[in-house]
Amino acid sequence: MFKRVMQVDDDADMRFLTSLCLEDFPLVLQQCATPQEALDQVADFRPDLLLVDFYMPGMDGLTLVEQLRQRGVLTPVILITGNLLHENTYDAAVTGIIGSIIKPFDVLNFYAQLQTIWRAAGYK
């Protein structure tokens, strides 16, 4: 199961909500406010799972994932998006995106949603 999670989201409220959802679970959460911050920190943090917002100013989530892959970072990604249409805009086999969660998400079951996507992608 994932133990080190990096969240990339420009929305401070979403980062706060995510931290509240995950605070009682056995994991370390690293939060980044910008894609560049994630690019700068990912090598040192070495996450097991990336939670990436789709829409961010300057660089969207898919571009961030592409740049991570170019740097050799193969960490599985779950996209967090407010739009269902984005679910089919990427090639999961190429990007390593294992699923998506639609905002607003179910706060009480957020961790369970992450686990379900993780296991459905074949991870243990």
N, C-alpha and C. Protein backbone atom coordinates (compact mmCIF):
# COMPACT_ATOMS: atom_id res chain seq x y z
N MET A 1 0.85 -1.18 0.00
CA MET A 1 0.00 0.00 0.00
C MET A 1 0.89 1.24 0.00
N PHE A 2 0.36 2.31 -0.48
CA PHE A 2 1.14 3.55 -0.56
C PHE A 2 1.39 4.10 0.84
N LYS A 3 2.59 4.60 1.06
CA LYS A 3 2.99 5.16 2.36
C LYS A 3 3.40 6.63 2.26
N ARG A 4 3.84 7.02 1.04
CA ARG A 4 4.32 8.38 0.82
C ARG A 4 3.53 8.97 -0.34
N VAL A 5 2.73 9.98 -0.03
CA VAL A 5 1.84 10.58 -1.02
C VAL A 5 2.23 12.03 -1.24
N MET A 6 2.37 12.42 -2.50
CA MET A 6 2.61 13.81 -2.84
C MET A 6 1.36 14.34 -3.54
N GLN A 7 0.84 15.44 -3.01
CA GLN A 7 -0.31 16.10 -3.62
C GLN A 7 0.17 17.39 -4.28
N VAL A 8 -0.29 17.61 -5.51
CA VAL A 8 0.04 18.84 -6.23
C VAL A 8 -1.28 19.53 -6.57
N ASP A 9 -1.53 20.66 -5.92
CA ASP A 9 -2.79 21.38 -6.12
C ASP A 9 -2.56 22.84 -5.77
N ASP A 10 -2.94 23.74 -6.67
CA ASP A 10 -2.75 25.16 -6.42
C ASP A 10 -3.77 25.74 -5.45
N ASP A 11 -4.82 24.99 -5.16
CA ASP A 11 -5.89 25.46 -4.28
C ASP A 11 -5.57 25.09 -2.82
N ALA A 12 -5.31 26.11 -2.01
CA ALA A 12 -4.95 25.88 -0.60
C ALA A 12 -6.06 25.17 0.16
N ASP A 13 -7.31 25.47 -0.17
CA ASP A 13 -8.43 24.81 0.50
C ASP A 13 -8.46 23.31 0.19
N MET A 14 -8.17 22.95 -1.06
CA MET A 14 -8.13 21.52 -1.43
C MET A 14 -6.98 20.81 -0.73
N ARG A 15 -5.84 21.48 -0.62
CA ARG A 15 -4.71 20.87 0.10
C ARG A 15 -5.08 20.65 1.56
N PHE A 16 -5.73 21.63 2.17
CA PHE A 16 -6.14 21.51 3.56
C PHE A 16 -7.15 20.37 3.72
N LEU A 17 -8.15 20.32 2.85
CA LEU A 17 -9.16 19.27 2.91
C LEU A 17 -8.53 17.89 2.75
N THR A 18 -7.60 17.77 1.82
CA THR A 18 -6.92 16.49 1.61
C THR A 18 -6.14 16.09 2.85
N SER A 19 -5.45 17.04 3.45
CA SER A 19 -4.68 16.72 4.66
C SER A 19 -5.61 16.25 5.78
N LEU A 20 -6.79 16.87 5.91
CA LEU A 20 -7.75 16.43 6.92
C LEU A 20 -8.25 15.02 6.62
N CYS A 21 -8.50 14.73 5.35
CA CYS A 21 -9.01 13.41 4.95
C CYS A 21 -8.00 12.30 5.24
N LEU A 22 -6.73 12.64 5.17
CA LEU A 22 -5.69 11.60 5.26
C LEU A 22 -4.92 11.60 6.58
N GLU A 23 -5.24 12.52 7.48
CA GLU A 23 -4.42 12.66 8.69
C GLU A 23 -4.45 11.45 9.62
N ASP A 24 -5.49 10.65 9.57
CA ASP A 24 -5.59 9.50 10.48
C ASP A 24 -5.08 8.20 9.87
N PHE A 25 -4.46 8.29 8.72
CA PHE A 25 -4.01 7.08 8.04
C PHE A 25 -2.49 7.00 8.04
N PRO A 26 -1.96 5.78 7.94
CA PRO A 26 -0.51 5.57 8.07
C PRO A 26 0.25 5.95 6.79
N LEU A 27 0.38 7.26 6.59
CA LEU A 27 1.12 7.72 5.42
C LEU A 27 1.72 9.08 5.71
N VAL A 28 2.68 9.44 4.88
CA VAL A 28 3.29 10.76 4.95
C VAL A 28 2.79 11.53 3.74
N LEU A 29 2.24 12.71 3.96
CA LEU A 29 1.69 13.53 2.89
C LEU A 29 2.58 14.75 2.68
N GLN A 30 3.09 14.89 1.47
CA GLN A 30 3.86 16.07 1.07
C GLN A 30 2.98 16.87 0.12
N GLN A 31 2.78 18.14 0.39
CA GLN A 31 1.90 18.95 -0.45
C GLN A 31 2.69 20.03 -1.17
N CYS A 32 2.35 20.19 -2.45
CA CYS A 32 2.99 21.18 -3.29
C CYS A 32 1.93 22.09 -3.89
N ALA A 33 2.18 23.39 -3.88
CA ALA A 33 1.21 24.36 -4.38
C ALA A 33 1.34 24.61 -5.87
N THR A 34 2.47 24.20 -6.45
CA THR A 34 2.68 24.41 -7.89
C THR A 34 3.33 23.16 -8.50
N PRO A 35 3.13 22.98 -9.79
CA PRO A 35 3.82 21.88 -10.46
C PRO A 35 5.34 22.00 -10.36
N GLN A 36 5.86 23.21 -10.43
CA GLN A 36 7.31 23.38 -10.33
C GLN A 36 7.82 22.94 -8.96
N GLU A 37 7.07 23.25 -7.93
CA GLU A 37 7.43 22.81 -6.58
C GLU A 37 7.50 21.28 -6.53
N ALA A 38 6.56 20.62 -7.18
CA ALA A 38 6.57 19.15 -7.22
C ALA A 38 7.79 18.64 -7.97
N LEU A 39 8.09 19.25 -9.10
CA LEU A 39 9.27 18.84 -9.87
C LEU A 39 10.54 19.01 -9.03
N ASP A 40 10.60 20.05 -8.24
CA ASP A 40 11.78 20.32 -7.41
C ASP A 40 11.90 19.34 -6.24
N GLN A 41 10.77 18.83 -5.73
CA GLN A 41 10.79 18.02 -4.51
C GLN A 41 10.63 16.52 -4.71
N VAL A 42 10.17 16.10 -5.88
CA VAL A 42 9.79 14.69 -6.05
C VAL A 42 10.98 13.74 -5.88
N ALA A 43 12.14 14.10 -6.34
CA ALA A 43 13.30 13.21 -6.24
C ALA A 43 13.70 12.97 -4.79
N ASP A 44 13.64 14.01 -3.97
CA ASP A 44 14.01 13.86 -2.55
C ASP A 44 12.92 13.16 -1.75
N PHE A 45 11.65 13.44 -2.06
CA PHE A 45 10.54 12.86 -1.29
C PHE A 45 10.27 11.41 -1.68
N ARG A 46 10.43 11.08 -2.95
CA ARG A 46 10.21 9.72 -3.48
C ARG A 46 8.83 9.16 -3.10
N PRO A 47 7.76 9.78 -3.61
CA PRO A 47 6.41 9.32 -3.27
C PRO A 47 6.07 7.97 -3.89
N ASP A 48 5.15 7.26 -3.24
CA ASP A 48 4.59 6.03 -3.78
C ASP A 48 3.38 6.33 -4.65
N LEU A 49 2.77 7.50 -4.42
CA LEU A 49 1.56 7.90 -5.13
C LEU A 49 1.55 9.42 -5.27
N LEU A 50 1.13 9.88 -6.45
CA LEU A 50 0.97 11.31 -6.71
C LEU A 50 -0.51 11.61 -6.89
N LEU A 51 -1.00 12.62 -6.19
CA LEU A 51 -2.35 13.15 -6.38
C LEU A 51 -2.19 14.49 -7.08
N VAL A 52 -2.64 14.58 -8.31
CA VAL A 52 -2.35 15.76 -9.13
C VAL A 52 -3.65 16.42 -9.60
N ASP A 53 -3.78 17.70 -9.31
CA ASP A 53 -4.91 18.48 -9.80
C ASP A 53 -4.76 18.63 -11.31
N PHE A 54 -5.88 18.58 -12.02
CA PHE A 54 -5.82 18.70 -13.48
C PHE A 54 -5.55 20.14 -13.90
N TYR A 55 -6.34 21.07 -13.38
CA TYR A 55 -6.20 22.48 -13.77
C TYR A 55 -5.35 23.23 -12.77
N MET A 56 -4.22 23.75 -13.24
CA MET A 56 -3.38 24.61 -12.42
C MET A 56 -2.80 25.68 -13.34
N PRO A 57 -2.60 26.89 -12.82
CA PRO A 57 -2.04 27.94 -13.67
C PRO A 57 -0.59 27.64 -14.04
N GLY A 58 -0.24 27.97 -15.25
CA GLY A 58 1.14 27.80 -15.70
C GLY A 58 1.42 26.44 -16.30
N MET A 59 1.00 25.39 -15.63
CA MET A 59 1.23 24.03 -16.11
C MET A 59 0.09 23.15 -15.61
N ASP A 60 -0.59 22.48 -16.53
CA ASP A 60 -1.69 21.62 -16.07
C ASP A 60 -1.14 20.28 -15.58
N GLY A 61 -2.02 19.50 -15.00
CA GLY A 61 -1.61 18.23 -14.41
C GLY A 61 -1.01 17.24 -15.39
N LEU A 62 -1.57 17.17 -16.60
CA LEU A 62 -1.02 16.25 -17.60
C LEU A 62 0.39 16.64 -18.02
N THR A 63 0.62 17.94 -18.17
CA THR A 63 1.97 18.40 -18.51
C THR A 63 2.94 18.08 -17.39
N LEU A 64 2.51 18.26 -16.15
CA LEU A 64 3.36 17.89 -15.02
C LEU A 64 3.71 16.41 -15.08
N VAL A 65 2.73 15.57 -15.32
CA VAL A 65 2.98 14.12 -15.39
C VAL A 65 3.96 13.82 -16.52
N GLU A 66 3.79 14.46 -17.67
CA GLU A 66 4.72 14.25 -18.79
C GLU A 66 6.13 14.63 -18.39
N GLN A 67 6.29 15.76 -17.70
CA GLN A 67 7.62 16.20 -17.29
C GLN A 67 8.23 15.26 -16.26
N LEU A 68 7.40 14.75 -15.36
CA LEU A 68 7.91 13.77 -14.40
C LEU A 68 8.40 12.52 -15.11
N ARG A 69 7.64 12.05 -16.10
CA ARG A 69 8.04 10.85 -16.85
C ARG A 69 9.35 11.09 -17.60
N GLN A 70 9.51 12.28 -18.16
CA GLN A 70 10.75 12.63 -18.86
C GLN A 70 11.95 12.60 -17.92
N ARG A 71 11.71 12.85 -16.64
CA ARG A 71 12.78 12.82 -15.63
C ARG A 71 12.96 11.42 -15.04
N GLY A 72 12.19 10.46 -15.53
CA GLY A 72 12.32 9.09 -15.04
C GLY A 72 11.49 8.77 -13.82
N VAL A 73 10.61 9.67 -13.41
CA VAL A 73 9.74 9.44 -12.26
C VAL A 73 8.53 8.64 -12.74
N LEU A 74 8.41 7.40 -12.31
CA LEU A 74 7.36 6.51 -12.78
C LEU A 74 6.27 6.26 -11.74
N THR A 75 6.20 7.09 -10.74
CA THR A 75 5.22 6.98 -9.67
C THR A 75 3.79 7.00 -10.22
N PRO A 76 2.92 6.09 -9.75
CA PRO A 76 1.52 6.13 -10.17
C PRO A 76 0.85 7.45 -9.80
N VAL A 77 -0.09 7.87 -10.65
CA VAL A 77 -0.75 9.17 -10.49
C VAL A 77 -2.26 8.97 -10.45
N ILE A 78 -2.91 9.67 -9.53
CA ILE A 78 -4.37 9.80 -9.53
C ILE A 78 -4.66 11.27 -9.79
N LEU A 79 -5.40 11.54 -10.86
CA LEU A 79 -5.79 12.91 -11.17
C LEU A 79 -6.98 13.30 -10.31
N ILE A 80 -6.94 14.52 -9.82
CA ILE A 80 -8.07 15.10 -9.09
C ILE A 80 -8.63 16.19 -10.00
N THR A 81 -9.86 16.05 -10.43
CA THR A 81 -10.42 16.97 -11.40
C THR A 81 -11.86 17.33 -11.08
N GLY A 82 -12.26 18.49 -11.51
CA GLY A 82 -13.64 18.92 -11.35
C GLY A 82 -14.48 18.63 -12.57
N ASN A 83 -13.91 17.93 -13.55
CA ASN A 83 -14.60 17.71 -14.81
C ASN A 83 -14.45 16.27 -15.26
N LEU A 84 -15.55 15.57 -15.38
CA LEU A 84 -15.55 14.17 -15.81
C LEU A 84 -14.96 13.97 -17.19
N LEU A 85 -15.00 14.99 -18.03
CA LEU A 85 -14.52 14.85 -19.41
C LEU A 85 -13.04 14.53 -19.47
N HIS A 86 -12.28 14.88 -18.45
CA HIS A 86 -10.83 14.66 -18.48
C HIS A 86 -10.45 13.20 -18.30
N GLU A 87 -11.40 12.40 -17.89
CA GLU A 87 -11.09 11.00 -17.62
C GLU A 87 -10.58 10.27 -18.86
N ASN A 88 -10.98 10.70 -20.04
CA ASN A 88 -10.57 10.03 -21.27
C ASN A 88 -9.59 10.84 -22.10
N THR A 89 -8.95 11.84 -21.52
CA THR A 89 -8.06 12.70 -22.30
C THR A 89 -6.59 12.29 -22.19
N TYR A 90 -6.33 11.16 -21.60
CA TYR A 90 -4.95 10.73 -21.45
C TYR A 90 -4.87 9.23 -21.71
N ASP A 91 -3.69 8.79 -22.06
CA ASP A 91 -3.43 7.37 -22.29
C ASP A 91 -2.79 6.82 -21.01
N ALA A 92 -3.56 6.09 -20.25
CA ALA A 92 -3.08 5.61 -18.95
C ALA A 92 -1.82 4.77 -19.07
N ALA A 93 -1.71 3.98 -20.11
CA ALA A 93 -0.53 3.13 -20.29
C ALA A 93 0.73 3.96 -20.50
N VAL A 94 0.58 5.10 -21.13
CA VAL A 94 1.73 5.97 -21.40
C VAL A 94 2.04 6.87 -20.22
N THR A 95 1.01 7.43 -19.61
CA THR A 95 1.22 8.43 -18.56
C THR A 95 1.42 7.85 -17.17
N GLY A 96 0.91 6.65 -16.94
CA GLY A 96 0.98 6.10 -15.59
C GLY A 96 -0.12 6.61 -14.69
N ILE A 97 -1.12 7.27 -15.27
CA ILE A 97 -2.27 7.73 -14.49
C ILE A 97 -3.17 6.51 -14.26
N ILE A 98 -3.37 6.17 -13.01
CA ILE A 98 -4.11 4.95 -12.70
C ILE A 98 -5.58 5.20 -12.42
N GLY A 99 -5.98 6.47 -12.35
CA GLY A 99 -7.38 6.77 -12.11
C GLY A 99 -7.59 8.24 -11.86
N SER A 100 -8.85 8.59 -11.62
CA SER A 100 -9.17 9.97 -11.32
C SER A 100 -10.27 10.03 -10.27
N ILE A 101 -10.28 11.12 -9.54
CA ILE A 101 -11.31 11.39 -8.54
C ILE A 101 -11.90 12.74 -8.89
N ILE A 102 -13.22 12.80 -8.91
CA ILE A 102 -13.92 14.01 -9.28
C ILE A 102 -14.18 14.87 -8.04
N LYS A 103 -13.88 16.17 -8.17
CA LYS A 103 -14.19 17.13 -7.11
C LYS A 103 -15.62 17.61 -7.31
N PRO A 104 -16.35 17.87 -6.28
CA PRO A 104 -15.97 17.63 -4.88
C PRO A 104 -16.03 16.13 -4.57
N PHE A 105 -15.05 15.66 -3.83
CA PHE A 105 -15.00 14.24 -3.51
C PHE A 105 -15.64 13.98 -2.15
N ASP A 106 -15.92 12.72 -1.91
CA ASP A 106 -16.54 12.27 -0.66
C ASP A 106 -15.47 12.28 0.43
N VAL A 107 -15.54 13.25 1.30
CA VAL A 107 -14.52 13.45 2.34
C VAL A 107 -14.38 12.22 3.23
N LEU A 108 -15.50 11.61 3.60
CA LEU A 108 -15.45 10.48 4.52
C LEU A 108 -14.87 9.22 3.88
N ASN A 109 -14.91 9.13 2.57
CA ASN A 109 -14.43 7.93 1.89
C ASN A 109 -13.25 8.19 0.97
N PHE A 110 -12.57 9.31 1.12
CA PHE A 110 -11.48 9.67 0.21
C PHE A 110 -10.36 8.63 0.24
N TYR A 111 -9.93 8.24 1.43
CA TYR A 111 -8.86 7.25 1.54
C TYR A 111 -9.28 5.93 0.91
N ALA A 112 -10.51 5.52 1.14
CA ALA A 112 -11.03 4.28 0.53
C ALA A 112 -11.04 4.38 -0.99
N GLN A 113 -11.38 5.57 -1.53
CA GLN A 113 -11.34 5.76 -2.98
C GLN A 113 -9.91 5.59 -3.51
N LEU A 114 -8.96 6.16 -2.80
CA LEU A 114 -7.55 6.02 -3.21
C LEU A 114 -7.15 4.54 -3.21
N GLN A 115 -7.52 3.82 -2.16
CA GLN A 115 -7.18 2.40 -2.07
C GLN A 115 -7.83 1.60 -3.20
N THR A 116 -9.08 1.90 -3.51
CA THR A 116 -9.79 1.18 -4.57
C THR A 116 -9.10 1.38 -5.91
N ILE A 117 -8.74 2.61 -6.22
CA ILE A 117 -8.05 2.89 -7.48
C ILE A 117 -6.69 2.20 -7.49
N TRP A 118 -5.98 2.28 -6.39
CA TRP A 118 -4.64 1.68 -6.26
C TRP A 118 -4.71 0.18 -6.54
N ARG A 119 -5.65 -0.49 -5.89
CA ARG A 119 -5.77 -1.96 -6.07
C ARG A 119 -6.28 -2.33 -7.45
N ALA A 120 -7.21 -1.54 -8.00
CA ALA A 120 -7.73 -1.82 -9.34
C ALA A 120 -6.63 -1.71 -10.39
N ALA A 121 -5.63 -0.90 -10.11
CA ALA A 121 -4.50 -0.75 -11.04
C ALA A 121 -3.46 -1.87 -10.86
N GLY A 122 -3.72 -2.78 -9.92
CA GLY A 122 -2.82 -3.91 -9.74
C GLY A 122 -1.75 -3.73 -8.69
N TYR A 123 -1.82 -2.66 -7.93
CA TYR A 123 -0.83 -2.43 -6.86
C TYR A 123 -1.33 -3.05 -5.56
N LYS A 124 -0.40 -3.39 -4.68
CA LYS A 124 -0.77 -3.96 -3.38
C LYS A 124 -0.26 -3.11 -2.26
